[in-house]
Amino acid sequence: MTWPVTVHGYNNAIVTDTTDTTDATDARRRASAYLNSGLRDGTLRPKIARSFDGLDRMPDAHRLMETNTHVGKIVVRP
């Protein structure tokens, strides 16, 4: 392993930490609707760091991921 290691944390407490399951279900539904509409209309677009064509390029994609120098998604197309 290469040091230093960068750790990214995510907090979904607003969506998941509630005692009323009806509220939690509604919050998840609203979050899902927000994300899906944003992806559908282009408001939210995933950033693609790099694309690799062919599953034989999987080792290259994994090496890029291990460098932790990319910003965005790493895409491997079959």
C-alpha atoms as a PDB file:
ATOM      1  CA  MET A   1       0.000   0.000   0.000  1.00  0.00           C
ATOM      2  CA  THR A   2       1.173   3.502  -0.804  1.00  0.00           C
ATOM      3  CA  TRP A   3       1.114   6.029   2.024  1.00  0.00           C
ATOM      4  CA  PRO A   4      -0.390   8.478   2.783  1.00  0.00           C
ATOM      5  CA  VAL A   5      -3.834   6.998   2.286  1.00  0.00           C
ATOM      6  CA  THR A   6      -6.705   9.364   1.612  1.00  0.00           C
ATOM      7  CA  VAL A   7     -10.006   8.437   3.218  1.00  0.00           C
ATOM      8  CA  HIS A   8     -13.216  10.047   2.018  1.00  0.00           C
ATOM      9  CA  GLY A   9     -16.207   9.920   4.350  1.00  0.00           C
ATOM     10  CA  TYR A  10     -19.871  10.255   3.534  1.00  0.00           C
ATOM     11  CA  ASN A  11     -22.703  10.971   5.945  1.00  0.00           C
ATOM     12  CA  ASN A  12     -26.182   9.812   5.042  1.00  0.00           C
ATOM     13  CA  ALA A  13     -27.523  10.462   8.553  1.00  0.00           C
ATOM     14  CA  ILE A  14     -30.242  12.795   7.336  1.00  0.00           C
ATOM     15  CA  VAL A  15     -31.667  10.056   5.136  1.00  0.00           C
ATOM     16  CA  THR A  16     -31.084   7.029   7.355  1.00  0.00           C
ATOM     17  CA  ASP A  17     -30.972   8.081  11.023  1.00  0.00           C
ATOM     18  CA  THR A  18     -34.551   8.491  12.088  1.00  0.00           C
ATOM     19  CA  THR A  19     -36.779   6.600  14.475  1.00  0.00           C
ATOM     20  CA  ASP A  20     -39.845   6.917  12.271  1.00  0.00           C
ATOM     21  CA  THR A  21     -39.476   4.493   9.355  1.00  0.00           C
ATOM     22  CA  THR A  22     -42.137   6.373   7.383  1.00  0.00           C
ATOM     23  CA  ASP A  23     -39.985   9.523   7.517  1.00  0.00           C
ATOM     24  CA  ALA A  24     -36.871   7.559   6.510  1.00  0.00           C
ATOM     25  CA  THR A  25     -38.673   5.915   3.598  1.00  0.00           C
ATOM     26  CA  ASP A  26     -40.012   9.271   2.435  1.00  0.00           C
ATOM     27  CA  ALA A  27     -36.577  10.894   2.742  1.00  0.00           C
ATOM     28  CA  ARG A  28     -34.978   8.121   0.673  1.00  0.00           C
ATOM     29  CA  ARG A  29     -37.738   8.421  -1.931  1.00  0.00           C
ATOM     30  CA  ARG A  30     -37.252  12.206  -2.180  1.00  0.00           C
ATOM     31  CA  ALA A  31     -33.446  11.859  -2.383  1.00  0.00           C
ATOM     32  CA  SER A  32     -33.788   9.232  -5.098  1.00  0.00           C
ATOM     33  CA  ALA A  33     -36.237  11.382  -7.065  1.00  0.00           C
ATOM     34  CA  TYR A  34     -33.899  14.392  -6.794  1.00  0.00           C
ATOM     35  CA  LEU A  35     -30.868  12.442  -8.017  1.00  0.00           C
ATOM     36  CA  ASN A  36     -32.757  10.687 -10.807  1.00  0.00           C
ATOM     37  CA  SER A  37     -34.295  13.908 -12.123  1.00  0.00           C
ATOM     38  CA  GLY A  38     -30.918  15.651 -12.021  1.00  0.00           C
ATOM     39  CA  LEU A  39     -29.244  12.836 -13.926  1.00  0.00           C
ATOM     40  CA  ARG A  40     -32.112  12.684 -16.414  1.00  0.00           C
ATOM     41  CA  ASP A  41     -32.187  16.425 -17.239  1.00  0.00           C
ATOM     42  CA  GLY A  42     -28.402  16.889 -17.124  1.00  0.00           C
ATOM     43  CA  THR A  43     -28.302  19.093 -14.022  1.00  0.00           C
ATOM     44  CA  LEU A  44     -26.198  16.449 -12.295  1.00  0.00           C
ATOM     45  CA  ARG A  45     -23.533  14.896 -14.466  1.00  0.00           C
ATOM     46  CA  PRO A  46     -20.956  12.417 -13.207  1.00  0.00           C
ATOM     47  CA  LYS A  47     -17.419  13.570 -13.976  1.00  0.00           C
ATOM     48  CA  ILE A  48     -15.537  10.968 -16.009  1.00  0.00           C
ATOM     49  CA  ALA A  49     -11.843  10.931 -15.145  1.00  0.00           C
ATOM     50  CA  ARG A  50     -10.875   8.360 -17.764  1.00  0.00           C
ATOM     51  CA  SER A  51     -12.478   5.694 -19.958  1.00  0.00           C
ATOM     52  CA  PHE A  52     -10.922   2.392 -20.924  1.00  0.00           C
ATOM     53  CA  ASP A  53     -12.187   0.274 -23.820  1.00  0.00           C
ATOM     54  CA  GLY A  54     -12.152  -3.471 -23.292  1.00  0.00           C
ATOM     55  CA  LEU A  55     -12.035  -5.630 -20.202  1.00  0.00           C
ATOM     56  CA  ASP A  56      -8.389  -6.385 -20.966  1.00  0.00           C
ATOM     57  CA  ARG A  57      -7.714  -2.777 -19.867  1.00  0.00           C
ATOM     58  CA  MET A  58      -9.022  -3.502 -16.361  1.00  0.00           C
ATOM     59  CA  PRO A  59      -5.478  -3.670 -14.893  1.00  0.00           C
ATOM     60  CA  ASP A  60      -4.774  -0.185 -16.295  1.00  0.00           C
ATOM     61  CA  ALA A  61      -7.984   1.138 -14.758  1.00  0.00           C
ATOM     62  CA  HIS A  62      -7.123  -0.438 -11.425  1.00  0.00           C
ATOM     63  CA  ARG A  63      -3.627   1.065 -11.487  1.00  0.00           C
ATOM     64  CA  LEU A  64      -5.145   4.496 -12.104  1.00  0.00           C
ATOM     65  CA  MET A  65      -7.518   3.986  -9.194  1.00  0.00           C
ATOM     66  CA  GLU A  66      -4.632   2.957  -6.925  1.00  0.00           C
ATOM     67  CA  THR A  67      -2.719   6.162  -7.724  1.00  0.00           C
ATOM     68  CA  ASN A  68      -5.546   8.186  -6.183  1.00  0.00           C
ATOM     69  CA  THR A  69      -4.717  11.003  -8.607  1.00  0.00           C
ATOM     70  CA  HIS A  70      -7.930  10.927 -10.641  1.00  0.00           C
ATOM     71  CA  VAL A  71     -10.919  13.183 -10.123  1.00  0.00           C
ATOM     72  CA  GLY A  72     -14.157  11.568 -11.213  1.00  0.00           C
ATOM     73  CA  LYS A  73     -15.304   8.138 -12.301  1.00  0.00           C
ATOM     74  CA  ILE A  74     -13.151   5.510 -13.961  1.00  0.00           C
ATOM     75  CA  VAL A  75     -15.146   3.796 -16.693  1.00  0.00           C
ATOM     76  CA  VAL A  76     -14.304   0.416 -18.244  1.00  0.00           C
ATOM     77  CA  ARG A  77     -16.400  -0.468 -21.285  1.00  0.00           C
ATOM     78  CA  PRO A  78     -16.623  -4.100 -22.420  1.00  0.00           C
END
